[in-house]
Amino acid sequence: LILKQLDTYETARTSIQKEIINIKAKIEKIQDLRRTNPKLLIPLP
């Protein structure tokens, strides 16, 4: 029973971690484009 609850929270943490990875990649992509091309107005489509 306790392990099942723990597994549920671990799954939730994994889902949150995936979202964090996606957002970090997006932010890093925007910052990288701004560094390479400061004149670029809209870094991402």
All heavy atoms as atom14 arrays in JSON, in Angstrom:
{
  "sequence": "LILKQLDTYETARTSIQKEIINIKAKIEKIQDLRRTNPKLLIPLP",
  "atom14_mask": [
    [1, 1, 1, 1, 1, 1, 1, 1, 0, 0, 0, 0, 0, 0],
    [1, 1, 1, 1, 1, 1, 1, 1, 0, 0, 0, 0, 0, 0],
    [1, 1, 1, 1, 1, 1, 1, 1, 0, 0, 0, 0, 0, 0],
    [1, 1, 1, 1, 1, 1, 1, 1, 1, 0, 0, 0, 0, 0],
    [1, 1, 1, 1, 1, 1, 1, 1, 1, 0, 0, 0, 0, 0],
    [1, 1, 1, 1, 1, 1, 1, 1, 0, 0, 0, 0, 0, 0],
    [1, 1, 1, 1, 1, 1, 1, 1, 0, 0, 0, 0, 0, 0],
    [1, 1, 1, 1, 1, 1, 1, 0, 0, 0, 0, 0, 0, 0],
    [1, 1, 1, 1, 1, 1, 1, 1, 1, 1, 1, 1, 0, 0],
    [1, 1, 1, 1, 1, 1, 1, 1, 1, 0, 0, 0, 0, 0],
    [1, 1, 1, 1, 1, 1, 1, 0, 0, 0, 0, 0, 0, 0],
    [1, 1, 1, 1, 1, 0, 0, 0, 0, 0, 0, 0, 0, 0],
    [1, 1, 1, 1, 1, 1, 1, 1, 1, 1, 1, 0, 0, 0],
    [1, 1, 1, 1, 1, 1, 1, 0, 0, 0, 0, 0, 0, 0],
    [1, 1, 1, 1, 1, 1, 0, 0, 0, 0, 0, 0, 0, 0],
    [1, 1, 1, 1, 1, 1, 1, 1, 0, 0, 0, 0, 0, 0],
    [1, 1, 1, 1, 1, 1, 1, 1, 1, 0, 0, 0, 0, 0],
    [1, 1, 1, 1, 1, 1, 1, 1, 1, 0, 0, 0, 0, 0],
    [1, 1, 1, 1, 1, 1, 1, 1, 1, 0, 0, 0, 0, 0],
    [1, 1, 1, 1, 1, 1, 1, 1, 0, 0, 0, 0, 0, 0],
    [1, 1, 1, 1, 1, 1, 1, 1, 0, 0, 0, 0, 0, 0],
    [1, 1, 1, 1, 1, 1, 1, 1, 0, 0, 0, 0, 0, 0],
    [1, 1, 1, 1, 1, 1, 1, 1, 0, 0, 0, 0, 0, 0],
    [1, 1, 1, 1, 1, 1, 1, 1, 1, 0, 0, 0, 0, 0],
    [1, 1, 1, 1, 1, 0, 0, 0, 0, 0, 0, 0, 0, 0],
    [1, 1, 1, 1, 1, 1, 1, 1, 1, 0, 0, 0, 0, 0],
    [1, 1, 1, 1, 1, 1, 1, 1, 0, 0, 0, 0, 0, 0],
    [1, 1, 1, 1, 1, 1, 1, 1, 1, 0, 0, 0, 0, 0],
    [1, 1, 1, 1, 1, 1, 1, 1, 1, 0, 0, 0, 0, 0],
    [1, 1, 1, 1, 1, 1, 1, 1, 0, 0, 0, 0, 0, 0],
    [1, 1, 1, 1, 1, 1, 1, 1, 1, 0, 0, 0, 0, 0],
    [1, 1, 1, 1, 1, 1, 1, 1, 0, 0, 0, 0, 0, 0],
    [1, 1, 1, 1, 1, 1, 1, 1, 0, 0, 0, 0, 0, 0],
    [1, 1, 1, 1, 1, 1, 1, 1, 1, 1, 1, 0, 0, 0],
    [1, 1, 1, 1, 1, 1, 1, 1, 1, 1, 1, 0, 0, 0],
    [1, 1, 1, 1, 1, 1, 1, 0, 0, 0, 0, 0, 0, 0],
    [1, 1, 1, 1, 1, 1, 1, 1, 0, 0, 0, 0, 0, 0],
    [1, 1, 1, 1, 1, 1, 1, 0, 0, 0, 0, 0, 0, 0],
    [1, 1, 1, 1, 1, 1, 1, 1, 1, 0, 0, 0, 0, 0],
    [1, 1, 1, 1, 1, 1, 1, 1, 0, 0, 0, 0, 0, 0],
    [1, 1, 1, 1, 1, 1, 1, 1, 0, 0, 0, 0, 0, 0],
    [1, 1, 1, 1, 1, 1, 1, 1, 0, 0, 0, 0, 0, 0],
    [1, 1, 1, 1, 1, 1, 1, 0, 0, 0, 0, 0, 0, 0],
    [1, 1, 1, 1, 1, 1, 1, 1, 0, 0, 0, 0, 0, 0],
    [1, 1, 1, 1, 1, 1, 1, 0, 0, 0, 0, 0, 0, 0]
  ],
  "atom14_positions": [
    [[0.82, -1.21, 0.0], [0.0, 0.0, 0.0], [0.86, 1.27, 0.0], [0.63, 2.2, -0.78], [-0.93, -0.02, 1.22], [-1.87, 1.19, 1.35], [-2.79, 1.29, 0.14], [-2.68, 1.1, 2.63], [0.0, 0.0, 0.0], [0.0, 0.0, 0.0], [0.0, 0.0, 0.0], [0.0, 0.0, 0.0], [0.0, 0.0, 0.0], [0.0, 0.0, 0.0]],
    [[1.84, 1.3, 0.88], [2.7, 2.49, 0.95], [3.5, 2.65, -0.34], [3.68, 3.76, -0.87], [3.64, 2.39, 2.17], [2.82, 2.35, 3.46], [4.61, 3.57, 2.21], [3.64, 2.17, 4.72], [0.0, 0.0, 0.0], [0.0, 0.0, 0.0], [0.0, 0.0, 0.0], [0.0, 0.0, 0.0], [0.0, 0.0, 0.0], [0.0, 0.0, 0.0]],
    [[3.94, 1.55, -0.87], [4.7, 1.62, -2.11], [3.85, 2.11, -3.27], [4.34, 2.8, -4.18], [5.28, 0.24, -2.43], [6.37, -0.26, -1.48], [6.8, -1.66, -1.87], [7.55, 0.68, -1.47], [0.0, 0.0, 0.0], [0.0, 0.0, 0.0], [0.0, 0.0, 0.0], [0.0, 0.0, 0.0], [0.0, 0.0, 0.0], [0.0, 0.0, 0.0]],
    [[2.58, 1.76, -3.26], [1.68, 2.24, -4.32], [1.53, 3.76, -4.26], [1.56, 4.45, -5.29], [0.32, 1.57, -4.17], [-0.64, 1.92, -5.3], [-1.95, 1.16, -5.15], [-2.9, 1.52, -6.29], [-4.2, 0.8, -6.18], [0.0, 0.0, 0.0], [0.0, 0.0, 0.0], [0.0, 0.0, 0.0], [0.0, 0.0, 0.0], [0.0, 0.0, 0.0]],
    [[1.37, 4.28, -3.03], [1.29, 5.73, -2.88], [2.6, 6.4, -3.33], [2.6, 7.44, -4.02], [1.0, 6.09, -1.42], [-0.38, 5.64, -0.94], [-0.59, 5.97, 0.53], [0.33, 6.41, 1.22], [-1.8, 5.74, 1.01], [0.0, 0.0, 0.0], [0.0, 0.0, 0.0], [0.0, 0.0, 0.0], [0.0, 0.0, 0.0], [0.0, 0.0, 0.0]],
    [[3.68, 5.79, -2.93], [4.97, 6.36, -3.31], [5.14, 6.34, -4.83], [5.66, 7.29, -5.43], [6.08, 5.57, -2.63], [7.52, 6.09, -2.87], [7.67, 7.5, -2.35], [8.53, 5.16, -2.22], [0.0, 0.0, 0.0], [0.0, 0.0, 0.0], [0.0, 0.0, 0.0], [0.0, 0.0, 0.0], [0.0, 0.0, 0.0], [0.0, 0.0, 0.0]],
    [[4.69, 5.26, -5.46], [4.78, 5.18, -6.91], [3.96, 6.26, -7.6], [4.37, 6.83, -8.62], [4.34, 3.79, -7.37], [4.55, 3.59, -8.85], [5.72, 3.52, -9.28], [3.56, 3.53, -9.61], [0.0, 0.0, 0.0], [0.0, 0.0, 0.0], [0.0, 0.0, 0.0], [0.0, 0.0, 0.0], [0.0, 0.0, 0.0], [0.0, 0.0, 0.0]],
    [[2.78, 6.55, -7.01], [1.93, 7.61, -7.58], [2.65, 8.95, -7.54], [2.68, 9.7, -8.53], [0.62, 7.71, -6.82], [-0.05, 6.45, -6.88], [-0.29, 8.78, -7.42], [0.0, 0.0, 0.0], [0.0, 0.0, 0.0], [0.0, 0.0, 0.0], [0.0, 0.0, 0.0], [0.0, 0.0, 0.0], [0.0, 0.0, 0.0], [0.0, 0.0, 0.0]],
    [[3.26, 9.26, -6.4], [3.98, 10.54, -6.29], [5.24, 10.56, -7.16], [5.62, 11.6, -7.7], [4.34, 10.82, -4.83], [3.17, 11.33, -4.02], [2.48, 10.51, -3.17], [2.75, 12.65, -4.15], [1.4, 10.97, -2.42], [1.68, 13.13, -3.42], [1.0, 12.28, -2.56], [-0.07, 12.75, -1.86], [0.0, 0.0, 0.0], [0.0, 0.0, 0.0]],
    [[5.88, 9.4, -7.28], [7.05, 9.35, -8.15], [6.65, 9.61, -9.6], [7.36, 10.29, -10.35], [7.72, 7.97, -8.04], [8.45, 7.73, -6.73], [9.75, 8.5, -6.65], [10.11, 9.16, -7.64], [10.4, 8.45, -5.58], [0.0, 0.0, 0.0], [0.0, 0.0, 0.0], [0.0, 0.0, 0.0], [0.0, 0.0, 0.0], [0.0, 0.0, 0.0]],
    [[5.5, 9.06, -10.0], [5.01, 9.31, -11.36], [4.72, 10.79, -11.57], [5.04, 11.37, -12.62], [3.74, 8.48, -11.62], [4.03, 7.09, -11.42], [3.26, 8.68, -13.05], [0.0, 0.0, 0.0], [0.0, 0.0, 0.0], [0.0, 0.0, 0.0], [0.0, 0.0, 0.0], [0.0, 0.0, 0.0], [0.0, 0.0, 0.0], [0.0, 0.0, 0.0]],
    [[4.09, 11.39, -10.56], [3.81, 12.82, -10.65], [5.1, 13.63, -10.74], [5.21, 14.59, -11.51], [2.99, 13.28, -9.44], [0.0, 0.0, 0.0], [0.0, 0.0, 0.0], [0.0, 0.0, 0.0], [0.0, 0.0, 0.0], [0.0, 0.0, 0.0], [0.0, 0.0, 0.0], [0.0, 0.0, 0.0], [0.0, 0.0, 0.0], [0.0, 0.0, 0.0]],
    [[6.09, 13.22, -9.96], [7.37, 13.93, -10.01], [8.03, 13.78, -11.37], [8.63, 14.73, -11.9], [8.29, 13.41, -8.91], [9.64, 14.15, -8.85], [10.45, 13.74, -7.66], [10.82, 12.33, -7.74], [11.58, 11.71, -6.82], [12.01, 12.39, -5.77], [11.87, 10.43, -6.95], [0.0, 0.0, 0.0], [0.0, 0.0, 0.0], [0.0, 0.0, 0.0]],
    [[7.92, 12.59, -11.96], [8.47, 12.38, -13.31], [7.79, 13.27, -14.33], [8.43, 13.86, -15.21], [8.32, 10.91, -13.71], [9.0, 10.09, -12.75], [8.93, 10.67, -15.09], [0.0, 0.0, 0.0], [0.0, 0.0, 0.0], [0.0, 0.0, 0.0], [0.0, 0.0, 0.0], [0.0, 0.0, 0.0], [0.0, 0.0, 0.0], [0.0, 0.0, 0.0]],
    [[6.46, 13.37, -14.22], [5.71, 14.23, -15.15], [6.14, 15.69, -14.99], [6.34, 16.41, -15.98], [4.21, 14.08, -14.9], [3.49, 14.95, -15.73], [0.0, 0.0, 0.0], [0.0, 0.0, 0.0], [0.0, 0.0, 0.0], [0.0, 0.0, 0.0], [0.0, 0.0, 0.0], [0.0, 0.0, 0.0], [0.0, 0.0, 0.0], [0.0, 0.0, 0.0]],
    [[6.28, 16.11, -13.76], [6.72, 17.49, -13.51], [8.15, 17.69, -14.04], [8.46, 18.73, -14.64], [6.65, 17.81, -12.01], [5.19, 17.78, -11.53], [7.26, 19.18, -11.72], [5.04, 17.9, -10.04], [0.0, 0.0, 0.0], [0.0, 0.0, 0.0], [0.0, 0.0, 0.0], [0.0, 0.0, 0.0], [0.0, 0.0, 0.0], [0.0, 0.0, 0.0]],
    [[8.99, 16.68, -13.86], [10.37, 16.8, -14.33], [10.42, 16.94, -15.85], [11.22, 17.71, -16.4], [11.16, 15.56, -13.88], [12.62, 15.58, -14.3], [13.41, 16.69, -13.62], [13.06, 17.1, -12.52], [14.43, 17.18, -14.29], [0.0, 0.0, 0.0], [0.0, 0.0, 0.0], [0.0, 0.0, 0.0], [0.0, 0.0, 0.0], [0.0, 0.0, 0.0]],
    [[9.52, 16.2, -16.54], [9.48, 16.31, -18.0], [9.07, 17.72, -18.42], [9.64, 18.29, -19.36], [8.51, 15.27, -18.56], [9.04, 13.84, -18.5], [8.18, 12.9, -19.28], [6.84, 12.68, -18.6], [6.03, 11.66, -19.3], [0.0, 0.0, 0.0], [0.0, 0.0, 0.0], [0.0, 0.0, 0.0], [0.0, 0.0, 0.0], [0.0, 0.0, 0.0]],
    [[8.08, 18.28, -17.73], [7.66, 19.64, -18.06], [8.79, 20.63, -17.79], [9.02, 21.57, -18.56], [6.42, 20.02, -17.25], [5.17, 19.24, -17.63], [3.93, 19.77, -16.94], [3.95, 20.95, -16.54], [2.97, 19.0, -16.77], [0.0, 0.0, 0.0], [0.0, 0.0, 0.0], [0.0, 0.0, 0.0], [0.0, 0.0, 0.0], [0.0, 0.0, 0.0]],
    [[9.51, 20.42, -16.7], [10.63, 21.32, -16.38], [11.71, 21.22, -17.46], [12.28, 22.23, -17.89], [11.2, 20.97, -14.98], [10.2, 21.35, -13.89], [12.53, 21.68, -14.75], [10.62, 20.96, -12.5], [0.0, 0.0, 0.0], [0.0, 0.0, 0.0], [0.0, 0.0, 0.0], [0.0, 0.0, 0.0], [0.0, 0.0, 0.0], [0.0, 0.0, 0.0]],
    [[11.98, 20.01, -17.94], [12.99, 19.83, -18.99], [12.56, 20.56, -20.25], [13.35, 21.24, -20.91], [13.2, 18.32, -19.26], [13.93, 17.69, -18.07], [14.01, 18.13, -20.54], [14.06, 16.18, -18.19], [0.0, 0.0, 0.0], [0.0, 0.0, 0.0], [0.0, 0.0, 0.0], [0.0, 0.0, 0.0], [0.0, 0.0, 0.0], [0.0, 0.0, 0.0]],
    [[11.27, 20.43, -20.61], [10.78, 21.1, -21.82], [10.89, 22.62, -21.71], [11.34, 23.3, -22.63], [9.32, 20.7, -22.07], [9.19, 19.27, -22.56], [10.13, 18.73, -23.12], [8.05, 18.67, -22.35], [0.0, 0.0, 0.0], [0.0, 0.0, 0.0], [0.0, 0.0, 0.0], [0.0, 0.0, 0.0], [0.0, 0.0, 0.0], [0.0, 0.0, 0.0]],
    [[10.47, 23.16, -20.57], [10.5, 24.62, -20.4], [11.94, 25.12, -20.36], [12.28, 26.16, -20.94], [9.73, 25.02, -19.13], [8.24, 24.69, -19.3], [9.9, 26.5, -18.84], [7.4, 24.99, -18.08], [0.0, 0.0, 0.0], [0.0, 0.0, 0.0], [0.0, 0.0, 0.0], [0.0, 0.0, 0.0], [0.0, 0.0, 0.0], [0.0, 0.0, 0.0]],
    [[12.83, 24.38, -19.69], [14.23, 24.8, -19.65], [14.84, 24.8, -21.05], [15.61, 25.69, -21.41], [15.03, 23.87, -18.73], [14.85, 24.17, -17.25], [15.75, 23.28, -16.41], [15.64, 23.63, -14.93], [16.51, 22.77, -14.08], [0.0, 0.0, 0.0], [0.0, 0.0, 0.0], [0.0, 0.0, 0.0], [0.0, 0.0, 0.0], [0.0, 0.0, 0.0]],
    [[14.5, 23.76, -21.82], [15.02, 23.71, -23.19], [14.52, 24.88, -24.01], [15.25, 25.48, -24.8], [14.6, 22.39, -23.85], [0.0, 0.0, 0.0], [0.0, 0.0, 0.0], [0.0, 0.0, 0.0], [0.0, 0.0, 0.0], [0.0, 0.0, 0.0], [0.0, 0.0, 0.0], [0.0, 0.0, 0.0], [0.0, 0.0, 0.0], [0.0, 0.0, 0.0]],
    [[13.23, 25.24, -23.82], [12.66, 26.37, -24.54], [13.35, 27.67, -24.15], [13.72, 28.49, -25.01], [11.16, 26.44, -24.27], [10.45, 27.57, -25.0], [8.98, 27.53, -24.69], [8.23, 28.66, -25.4], [6.78, 28.62, -25.1], [0.0, 0.0, 0.0], [0.0, 0.0, 0.0], [0.0, 0.0, 0.0], [0.0, 0.0, 0.0], [0.0, 0.0, 0.0]],
    [[13.53, 27.88, -22.85], [14.17, 29.12, -22.37], [15.62, 29.18, -22.86], [16.09, 30.23, -23.3], [14.09, 29.18, -20.83], [12.62, 29.34, -20.38], [14.94, 30.33, -20.3], [12.44, 29.29, -18.89], [0.0, 0.0, 0.0], [0.0, 0.0, 0.0], [0.0, 0.0, 0.0], [0.0, 0.0, 0.0], [0.0, 0.0, 0.0], [0.0, 0.0, 0.0]],
    [[16.3, 28.04, -22.8], [17.69, 28.02, -23.25], [17.79, 28.3, -24.74], [18.7, 28.97, -25.21], [18.32, 26.68, -22.92], [19.83, 26.64, -23.21], [20.46, 25.37, -22.7], [19.77, 24.61, -22.0], [21.64, 25.15, -22.99], [0.0, 0.0, 0.0], [0.0, 0.0, 0.0], [0.0, 0.0, 0.0], [0.0, 0.0, 0.0], [0.0, 0.0, 0.0]],
    [[16.82, 27.8, -25.49], [16.8, 28.05, -26.94], [16.62, 29.54, -27.22], [17.29, 30.11, -28.08], [15.66, 27.24, -27.57], [15.6, 27.36, -29.09], [14.49, 26.48, -29.63], [14.42, 26.56, -31.15], [13.33, 25.73, -31.7], [0.0, 0.0, 0.0], [0.0, 0.0, 0.0], [0.0, 0.0, 0.0], [0.0, 0.0, 0.0], [0.0, 0.0, 0.0]],
    [[15.68, 30.18, -26.51], [15.44, 31.62, -26.7], [16.7, 32.42, -26.34], [17.13, 33.3, -27.08], [14.25, 32.08, -25.84], [12.95, 31.43, -26.35], [14.11, 33.61, -25.87], [11.75, 31.71, -25.49], [0.0, 0.0, 0.0], [0.0, 0.0, 0.0], [0.0, 0.0, 0.0], [0.0, 0.0, 0.0], [0.0, 0.0, 0.0], [0.0, 0.0, 0.0]],
    [[17.31, 32.09, -25.2], [18.49, 32.83, -24.78], [19.66, 32.61, -25.73], [20.43, 33.53, -26.0], [18.87, 32.4, -23.36], [17.83, 32.82, -22.31], [18.15, 32.25, -20.93], [18.97, 31.34, -20.78], [17.5, 32.79, -19.9], [0.0, 0.0, 0.0], [0.0, 0.0, 0.0], [0.0, 0.0, 0.0], [0.0, 0.0, 0.0], [0.0, 0.0, 0.0]],
    [[19.8, 31.41, -26.27], [20.88, 31.12, -27.22], [20.68, 31.91, -28.5], [21.63, 32.48, -29.05], [20.91, 29.63, -27.52], [22.04, 29.28, -28.48], [23.2, 29.39, -28.07], [21.75, 28.95, -29.64], [0.0, 0.0, 0.0], [0.0, 0.0, 0.0], [0.0, 0.0, 0.0], [0.0, 0.0, 0.0], [0.0, 0.0, 0.0], [0.0, 0.0, 0.0]],
    [[19.43, 31.97, -29.0], [19.16, 32.75, -30.2], [19.41, 34.23, -29.97], [19.89, 34.94, -30.85], [17.71, 32.53, -30.65], [17.41, 31.14, -31.26], [15.92, 30.99, -31.51], [18.18, 30.95, -32.54], [0.0, 0.0, 0.0], [0.0, 0.0, 0.0], [0.0, 0.0, 0.0], [0.0, 0.0, 0.0], [0.0, 0.0, 0.0], [0.0, 0.0, 0.0]],
    [[19.07, 34.72, -28.8], [19.32, 36.15, -28.5], [20.8, 36.45, -28.41], [21.24, 37.53, -28.78], [18.62, 36.53, -27.2], [17.11, 36.71, -27.36], [16.52, 37.31, -26.1], [15.21, 37.87, -26.37], [14.5, 38.54, -25.46], [15.0, 38.74, -24.26], [13.33, 39.02, -25.77], [0.0, 0.0, 0.0], [0.0, 0.0, 0.0], [0.0, 0.0, 0.0]],
    [[21.58, 35.47, -27.91], [23.03, 35.72, -27.84], [23.67, 35.71, -29.21], [24.52, 36.53, -29.51], [23.69, 34.66, -26.95], [23.5, 34.86, -25.46], [24.44, 33.98, -24.67], [24.21, 32.57, -24.92], [23.37, 31.82, -24.24], [22.69, 32.32, -23.23], [23.2, 30.54, -24.54], [0.0, 0.0, 0.0], [0.0, 0.0, 0.0], [0.0, 0.0, 0.0]],
    [[23.26, 34.76, -30.05], [23.85, 34.66, -31.38], [23.37, 35.75, -32.32], [24.09, 36.15, -33.23], [23.54, 33.29, -32.0], [22.11, 33.11, -32.02], [24.18, 32.18, -31.18], [0.0, 0.0, 0.0], [0.0, 0.0, 0.0], [0.0, 0.0, 0.0], [0.0, 0.0, 0.0], [0.0, 0.0, 0.0], [0.0, 0.0, 0.0], [0.0, 0.0, 0.0]],
    [[22.16, 36.24, -32.1], [21.6, 37.27, -33.0], [20.82, 38.29, -32.17], [19.61, 38.17, -32.03], [20.7, 36.64, -34.06], [20.29, 37.63, -35.12], [20.78, 38.77, -35.15], [19.41, 37.23, -36.01], [0.0, 0.0, 0.0], [0.0, 0.0, 0.0], [0.0, 0.0, 0.0], [0.0, 0.0, 0.0], [0.0, 0.0, 0.0], [0.0, 0.0, 0.0]],
    [[21.52, 39.27, -31.57], [20.82, 40.24, -30.71], [19.76, 41.04, -31.44], [18.84, 41.55, -30.81], [21.97, 41.15, -30.24], [23.22, 40.37, -30.45], [22.96, 39.51, -31.63], [0.0, 0.0, 0.0], [0.0, 0.0, 0.0], [0.0, 0.0, 0.0], [0.0, 0.0, 0.0], [0.0, 0.0, 0.0], [0.0, 0.0, 0.0], [0.0, 0.0, 0.0]],
    [[19.86, 41.16, -32.78], [18.88, 41.96, -33.52], [17.59, 41.19, -33.83], [16.65, 41.75, -34.34], [19.49, 42.45, -34.84], [20.66, 43.41, -34.64], [21.17, 43.9, -35.98], [22.32, 44.88, -35.82], [22.8, 45.37, -37.12], [0.0, 0.0, 0.0], [0.0, 0.0, 0.0], [0.0, 0.0, 0.0], [0.0, 0.0, 0.0], [0.0, 0.0, 0.0]],
    [[17.58, 39.89, -33.51], [16.4, 39.07, -33.8], [15.27, 39.47, -32.86], [15.41, 39.43, -31.64], [16.74, 37.59, -33.62], [15.65, 36.59, -33.99], [15.32, 36.7, -35.48], [16.09, 35.18, -33.65], [0.0, 0.0, 0.0], [0.0, 0.0, 0.0], [0.0, 0.0, 0.0], [0.0, 0.0, 0.0], [0.0, 0.0, 0.0], [0.0, 0.0, 0.0]],
    [[14.14, 39.87, -33.43], [13.01, 40.34, -32.62], [12.24, 39.17, -32.02], [11.94, 39.16, -30.83], [12.06, 41.19, -33.47], [12.6, 42.54, -33.94], [11.58, 43.25, -34.8], [12.99, 43.4, -32.76], [0.0, 0.0, 0.0], [0.0, 0.0, 0.0], [0.0, 0.0, 0.0], [0.0, 0.0, 0.0], [0.0, 0.0, 0.0], [0.0, 0.0, 0.0]],
    [[11.91, 38.16, -32.83], [11.08, 37.05, -32.38], [11.93, 35.79, -32.47], [12.13, 35.24, -33.53], [9.81, 36.93, -33.26], [9.05, 38.26, -33.25], [8.93, 35.8, -32.76], [7.87, 38.28, -34.18], [0.0, 0.0, 0.0], [0.0, 0.0, 0.0], [0.0, 0.0, 0.0], [0.0, 0.0, 0.0], [0.0, 0.0, 0.0], [0.0, 0.0, 0.0]],
    [[12.48, 35.31, -31.33], [13.41, 34.19, -31.36], [12.8, 32.86, -31.73], [13.48, 32.0, -32.25], [13.98, 34.19, -29.94], [12.95, 34.85, -29.1], [12.29, 35.86, -29.97], [0.0, 0.0, 0.0], [0.0, 0.0, 0.0], [0.0, 0.0, 0.0], [0.0, 0.0, 0.0], [0.0, 0.0, 0.0], [0.0, 0.0, 0.0], [0.0, 0.0, 0.0]],
    [[11.52, 32.64, -31.44], [10.89, 31.35, -31.72], [9.63, 31.54, -32.53], [8.88, 32.49, -32.32], [10.54, 30.62, -30.4], [11.72, 30.02, -29.62], [11.21, 29.37, -28.36], [12.48, 29.03, -30.45], [0.0, 0.0, 0.0], [0.0, 0.0, 0.0], [0.0, 0.0, 0.0], [0.0, 0.0, 0.0], [0.0, 0.0, 0.0], [0.0, 0.0, 0.0]],
    [[9.34, 30.61, -33.47], [8.11, 30.73, -34.26], [6.86, 30.7, -33.4], [5.89, 31.37, -33.7], [8.2, 29.53, -35.21], [9.65, 29.2, -35.3], [10.21, 29.52, -33.95], [0.0, 0.0, 0.0], [0.0, 0.0, 0.0], [0.0, 0.0, 0.0], [0.0, 0.0, 0.0], [0.0, 0.0, 0.0], [0.0, 0.0, 0.0], [0.0, 0.0, 0.0]]
  ]
}
